[in-house]
Amino acid sequence: MRPPYSELVAGWKALRARDDLTVREVACVGATRTLVVAEIAPPAGGSVVSLAAGMHGDEPAAPWALLSIVRDGLLDRRFGYRIWACVNPTGYERDTRENAEGDDINRSFDRGGRTPESRAIVTANRDRTFALSLDLHEDFEADGFYAYEPVVAGGSIFARALVATMDAEAFPVQDFTDDFDLAYPAEAQDLRTLERGCVFPNPDAERAFFAGTPYGLYMLRRSARRVGTLETPRKRAWNDRIAMHRAGVVTILDRLAGAQ
């Protein structure tokens, strides 16, 4: 059974004792709730990475994985960080994909944000630039780990490395069959390329096709030079899903550092 949201918040607030980390709450305009955001300043001349989890409230292991990554010192300190601890606290509490108003936050990042949560993030990110934005998710249909990496700046830097990491750790990796649902309608199949454990979307084509802007496309358009989404299989054990996210984030940050 997953821990209550109050315990997740308490876990982040306990990290306030660290000198290198700030933890605060950002108000959601038009709603009586806040989002927990943590920040680590970059080293001199360093870039900043944005991390987020809990976009969908029924994907609870991802926020706990993110907390454990920070708590256990797994972040690559060649970067600074802005960390959204749980983007959808009301959905987490209700165990629903959507927020309290019944909206999918991950389709609300257009027009300055159409949900209280997306507006809070868009406002906080105004005039900010990130080297990378990562979003941690879970998939109910998947049997194994997979990742989205939109193709930018000439290609991919981390998706295939993630597959190698999962194989080395003996975690399952998703094989994509014709009936696997990636939320792409039949007429839009050419918007992405599939490999084992990897989805490589064409971000320019997706912007023109999909109604309601997802978080990754908003970040790529407005704030981040590269973006990625990690998906662990919801049907796997809690500790396995957390371990997959931990290994995935560590791998990506190392690849990013090598690419700069």
Protein backbone atom coordinates (compact mmCIF):
# COMPACT_ATOMS: atom_id res chain seq x y z
CA MET A 1 0.00 0.00 0.00
CA ARG A 2 1.42 3.36 -0.99
CA PRO A 3 2.18 5.95 1.73
CA PRO A 4 -0.14 8.96 2.09
CA TYR A 5 0.74 12.25 0.41
CA SER A 6 1.39 13.86 3.81
CA GLU A 7 4.33 11.49 4.32
CA LEU A 8 5.79 12.45 0.95
CA VAL A 9 5.62 16.14 1.89
CA ALA A 10 7.15 15.40 5.29
CA GLY A 11 10.00 13.57 3.57
CA TRP A 12 10.79 16.61 1.46
CA LYS A 13 10.50 19.02 4.37
CA ALA A 14 12.96 16.87 6.34
CA LEU A 15 15.55 17.69 3.68
CA ARG A 16 15.39 21.38 4.61
CA ALA A 17 18.13 20.70 7.13
CA ARG A 18 20.59 20.29 4.26
CA ASP A 19 22.63 23.37 3.41
CA ASP A 20 22.64 22.68 -0.34
CA LEU A 21 18.89 22.32 -0.82
CA THR A 22 15.89 24.62 -0.50
CA VAL A 23 12.35 23.27 -0.22
CA ARG A 24 9.31 25.52 -0.55
CA GLU A 25 5.66 25.39 -1.53
CA VAL A 26 4.31 27.19 -4.59
CA ALA A 27 0.67 28.29 -4.60
CA CYS A 28 -1.67 27.02 -7.29
CA VAL A 29 -3.61 30.09 -8.40
CA GLY A 30 -7.32 29.49 -8.24
CA ALA A 31 -7.07 26.40 -6.02
CA THR A 32 -6.47 25.80 -2.34
CA ARG A 33 -3.37 23.66 -2.77
CA THR A 34 0.35 24.02 -3.24
CA LEU A 35 3.12 22.22 -5.09
CA VAL A 36 6.34 21.30 -3.32
CA VAL A 37 9.42 22.43 -5.23
CA ALA A 38 13.03 21.85 -4.23
CA GLU A 39 16.09 23.55 -5.69
CA ILE A 40 19.82 23.00 -5.71
CA ALA A 41 21.98 25.82 -7.03
CA PRO A 42 24.30 24.95 -9.93
CA PRO A 43 28.08 25.10 -9.62
CA ALA A 44 29.75 28.16 -11.13
CA GLY A 45 28.97 28.18 -14.82
CA GLY A 46 26.82 25.05 -14.52
CA SER A 47 23.48 24.27 -16.10
CA VAL A 48 20.20 23.48 -14.36
CA VAL A 49 18.10 20.32 -14.81
CA SER A 50 14.36 20.19 -14.14
CA LEU A 51 12.91 17.02 -12.58
CA ALA A 52 9.23 16.25 -12.05
CA ALA A 53 7.08 13.34 -10.89
CA GLY A 54 3.47 12.61 -10.00
CA MET A 55 1.86 14.25 -13.03
CA HIS A 56 -0.76 11.53 -12.80
CA GLY A 57 -1.98 10.74 -9.32
CA ASP A 58 -2.35 7.02 -9.88
CA GLU A 59 1.38 6.65 -10.62
CA PRO A 60 2.62 6.92 -7.04
CA ALA A 61 6.04 5.25 -7.11
CA ALA A 62 7.55 7.99 -9.28
CA PRO A 63 7.31 10.77 -6.63
CA TRP A 64 8.86 8.46 -4.03
CA ALA A 65 11.62 7.52 -6.44
CA LEU A 66 12.37 11.21 -6.97
CA LEU A 67 12.51 11.84 -3.23
CA SER A 68 14.87 8.90 -2.74
CA ILE A 69 17.16 10.11 -5.54
CA VAL A 70 17.60 13.46 -3.82
CA ARG A 71 17.70 12.09 -0.26
CA ASP A 72 20.35 9.49 -1.12
CA GLY A 73 22.65 11.90 -2.96
CA LEU A 74 22.26 10.36 -6.42
CA LEU A 75 22.02 13.65 -8.31
CA ASP A 76 25.02 14.57 -10.45
CA ARG A 77 26.38 17.71 -8.83
CA ARG A 78 27.79 19.01 -12.08
CA PHE A 79 24.28 20.46 -12.46
CA GLY A 80 21.84 22.48 -10.43
CA TYR A 81 18.23 21.34 -10.09
CA ARG A 82 14.62 22.46 -9.91
CA ILE A 83 12.53 19.55 -8.64
CA TRP A 84 8.72 19.30 -8.68
CA ALA A 85 8.07 16.70 -5.98
CA CYS A 86 4.51 15.77 -7.00
CA VAL A 87 2.76 17.74 -9.72
CA ASN A 88 -0.69 16.34 -8.93
CA PRO A 89 -1.18 16.15 -5.13
CA THR A 90 -4.98 15.93 -5.29
CA GLY A 91 -4.80 13.10 -7.80
CA TYR A 92 -2.26 11.32 -5.62
CA GLU A 93 -4.59 11.57 -2.64
CA ARG A 94 -7.54 10.26 -4.69
CA ASP A 95 -5.53 7.68 -6.66
CA THR A 96 -6.75 9.19 -9.92
CA ARG A 97 -4.96 10.15 -13.10
CA GLU A 98 -6.69 13.53 -13.10
CA ASN A 99 -6.58 16.35 -10.53
CA ALA A 100 -9.45 17.33 -8.21
CA GLU A 101 -11.26 19.10 -11.05
CA GLY A 102 -11.08 16.02 -13.26
CA ASP A 103 -8.46 17.43 -15.63
CA ASP A 104 -5.42 15.64 -17.03
CA ILE A 105 -2.64 18.03 -16.06
CA ASN A 106 -0.41 16.54 -18.75
CA ARG A 107 -2.65 18.01 -21.43
CA SER A 108 -2.92 21.49 -19.91
CA PHE A 109 0.35 23.31 -20.55
CA ASP A 110 -0.91 25.48 -23.40
CA ARG A 111 -2.06 29.10 -23.08
CA GLY A 112 0.00 29.72 -19.94
CA GLY A 113 -1.42 26.67 -18.20
CA ARG A 114 -5.07 25.58 -18.09
CA THR A 115 -5.01 23.87 -14.69
CA PRO A 116 -3.92 25.31 -11.34
CA GLU A 117 -0.90 23.01 -11.35
CA SER A 118 0.29 23.80 -14.87
CA ARG A 119 -0.18 27.53 -14.27
CA ALA A 120 2.01 27.29 -11.16
CA ILE A 121 4.78 25.55 -13.10
CA VAL A 122 4.58 27.81 -16.14
CA THR A 123 4.72 30.90 -13.89
CA ALA A 124 7.65 29.57 -11.87
CA ASN A 125 9.59 28.66 -15.03
CA ARG A 126 9.13 32.01 -16.69
CA ASP A 127 12.49 33.28 -17.95
CA ARG A 128 14.23 30.08 -16.83
CA THR A 129 16.31 27.82 -19.09
CA PHE A 130 17.14 24.18 -18.37
CA ALA A 131 19.67 21.89 -19.99
CA LEU A 132 17.22 19.03 -19.56
CA SER A 133 13.72 18.33 -18.24
CA LEU A 134 12.82 14.83 -17.00
CA ASP A 135 9.33 13.66 -16.12
CA LEU A 136 8.86 10.39 -14.17
CA HIS A 137 5.76 8.31 -14.93
CA GLU A 138 4.33 4.80 -14.65
CA ASP A 139 2.40 2.80 -17.27
CA PHE A 140 -0.44 0.41 -16.43
CA GLU A 141 -0.16 -1.54 -19.69
CA ALA A 142 3.61 -1.92 -19.85
CA ASP A 143 5.47 -5.07 -18.91
CA GLY A 144 8.83 -3.30 -18.83
CA PHE A 145 10.63 0.02 -18.65
CA TYR A 146 10.65 2.45 -21.56
CA ALA A 147 11.46 6.10 -22.20
CA TYR A 148 10.47 8.92 -24.52
CA GLU A 149 13.25 11.07 -25.91
CA PRO A 150 12.13 13.65 -28.49
CA VAL A 151 14.66 13.91 -31.28
CA VAL A 152 16.38 17.29 -31.09
CA ALA A 153 19.79 18.72 -31.97
CA GLY A 154 20.66 15.87 -34.27
CA GLY A 155 19.53 12.87 -32.31
CA SER A 156 19.31 10.95 -29.04
CA ILE A 157 21.77 11.05 -26.14
CA PHE A 158 20.22 8.83 -23.48
CA ALA A 159 17.33 6.54 -24.50
CA ARG A 160 19.45 3.63 -25.72
CA ALA A 161 21.76 4.01 -22.74
CA LEU A 162 18.72 3.59 -20.49
CA VAL A 163 17.90 0.28 -22.14
CA ALA A 164 21.47 -0.88 -21.57
CA THR A 165 21.22 0.13 -17.90
CA MET A 166 17.96 -1.74 -17.37
CA ASP A 167 19.40 -4.83 -19.04
CA ALA A 168 22.49 -4.65 -16.84
CA GLU A 169 20.31 -4.36 -13.73
CA ALA A 170 18.11 -7.26 -14.94
CA PHE A 171 14.99 -5.09 -15.11
CA PRO A 172 12.41 -5.79 -17.83
CA VAL A 173 12.42 -3.57 -20.93
CA GLN A 174 9.30 -2.99 -23.00
CA ASP A 175 8.99 -4.56 -26.45
CA PHE A 176 6.46 -2.58 -28.48
CA THR A 177 3.83 -4.65 -30.25
CA ASP A 178 1.20 -3.38 -32.67
CA ASP A 179 -1.46 -3.32 -29.95
CA PHE A 180 0.59 -1.41 -27.36
CA ASP A 181 -1.13 1.90 -26.59
CA LEU A 182 1.17 4.92 -26.78
CA ALA A 183 -1.80 7.32 -27.21
CA TYR A 184 -0.97 7.88 -30.87
CA PRO A 185 -3.98 7.54 -33.21
CA ALA A 186 -3.53 5.38 -36.31
CA GLU A 187 -3.07 8.38 -38.60
CA ALA A 188 -0.24 9.73 -36.44
CA GLN A 189 2.02 6.69 -36.24
CA ASP A 190 4.74 8.39 -38.26
CA LEU A 191 5.15 11.01 -35.52
CA ARG A 192 7.45 8.67 -33.62
CA THR A 193 10.02 5.92 -34.13
CA LEU A 194 10.04 2.86 -31.87
CA GLU A 195 12.86 0.67 -30.70
CA ARG A 196 12.97 -1.76 -27.80
CA GLY A 197 12.40 0.40 -24.71
CA CYS A 198 12.64 3.64 -26.68
CA VAL A 199 10.12 6.06 -28.16
CA PHE A 200 11.62 8.81 -30.31
CA PRO A 201 8.89 11.40 -31.03
CA ASN A 202 9.09 14.11 -33.66
CA PRO A 203 8.33 17.13 -31.44
CA ASP A 204 7.60 19.53 -34.29
CA ALA A 205 5.00 17.21 -35.78
CA GLU A 206 3.44 16.49 -32.39
CA ARG A 207 2.94 20.17 -31.66
CA ALA A 208 0.82 20.47 -34.77
CA PHE A 209 -1.20 17.31 -34.19
CA PHE A 210 -2.20 16.95 -30.54
CA ALA A 211 -4.76 19.07 -28.75
CA GLY A 212 -3.72 20.08 -25.24
CA THR A 213 -0.01 20.57 -24.71
CA PRO A 214 1.77 17.93 -22.60
CA TYR A 215 4.44 18.89 -20.10
CA GLY A 216 7.35 17.61 -22.17
CA LEU A 217 6.41 19.58 -25.29
CA TYR A 218 5.82 22.73 -23.24
CA MET A 219 9.27 22.38 -21.64
CA LEU A 220 10.94 21.73 -24.98
CA ARG A 221 9.24 24.71 -26.58
CA ARG A 222 9.69 27.18 -23.73
CA SER A 223 12.29 26.16 -21.19
CA ALA A 224 14.47 23.10 -21.87
CA ARG A 225 17.00 22.19 -24.53
CA ARG A 226 16.23 18.48 -24.15
CA VAL A 227 13.40 16.56 -22.50
CA GLY A 228 12.69 12.98 -21.53
CA THR A 229 9.91 10.91 -19.97
CA LEU A 230 10.60 7.72 -18.04
CA GLU A 231 7.91 5.04 -17.77
CA THR A 232 8.08 2.14 -15.33
CA PRO A 233 5.55 -0.74 -15.44
CA ARG A 234 2.84 -0.14 -12.85
CA LYS A 235 2.24 -3.88 -12.49
CA ARG A 236 5.75 -4.47 -11.13
CA ALA A 237 6.62 -4.38 -7.43
CA TRP A 238 6.88 -0.97 -5.73
CA ASN A 239 10.60 -1.28 -4.98
CA ASP A 240 11.37 -2.39 -8.54
CA ARG A 241 9.64 0.66 -10.00
CA ILE A 242 11.54 2.98 -7.67
CA ALA A 243 14.82 1.25 -8.51
CA MET A 244 14.18 1.61 -12.25
CA HIS A 245 13.59 5.34 -11.91
CA ARG A 246 16.69 5.75 -9.76
CA ALA A 247 18.89 3.92 -12.26
CA GLY A 248 17.32 5.78 -15.15
CA VAL A 249 17.85 9.27 -13.75
CA VAL A 250 21.46 8.51 -12.81
CA THR A 251 22.15 7.20 -16.32
CA ILE A 252 20.60 10.21 -18.04
CA LEU A 253 22.47 12.76 -15.94
CA ASP A 254 25.76 11.02 -16.66
CA ARG A 255 25.01 11.02 -20.39
CA LEU A 256 24.02 14.67 -20.29
CA ALA A 257 27.25 15.63 -18.57
CA GLY A 258 29.23 13.76 -21.21
CA ALA A 259 27.36 15.49 -24.03
CA GLN A 260 28.06 19.01 -22.83
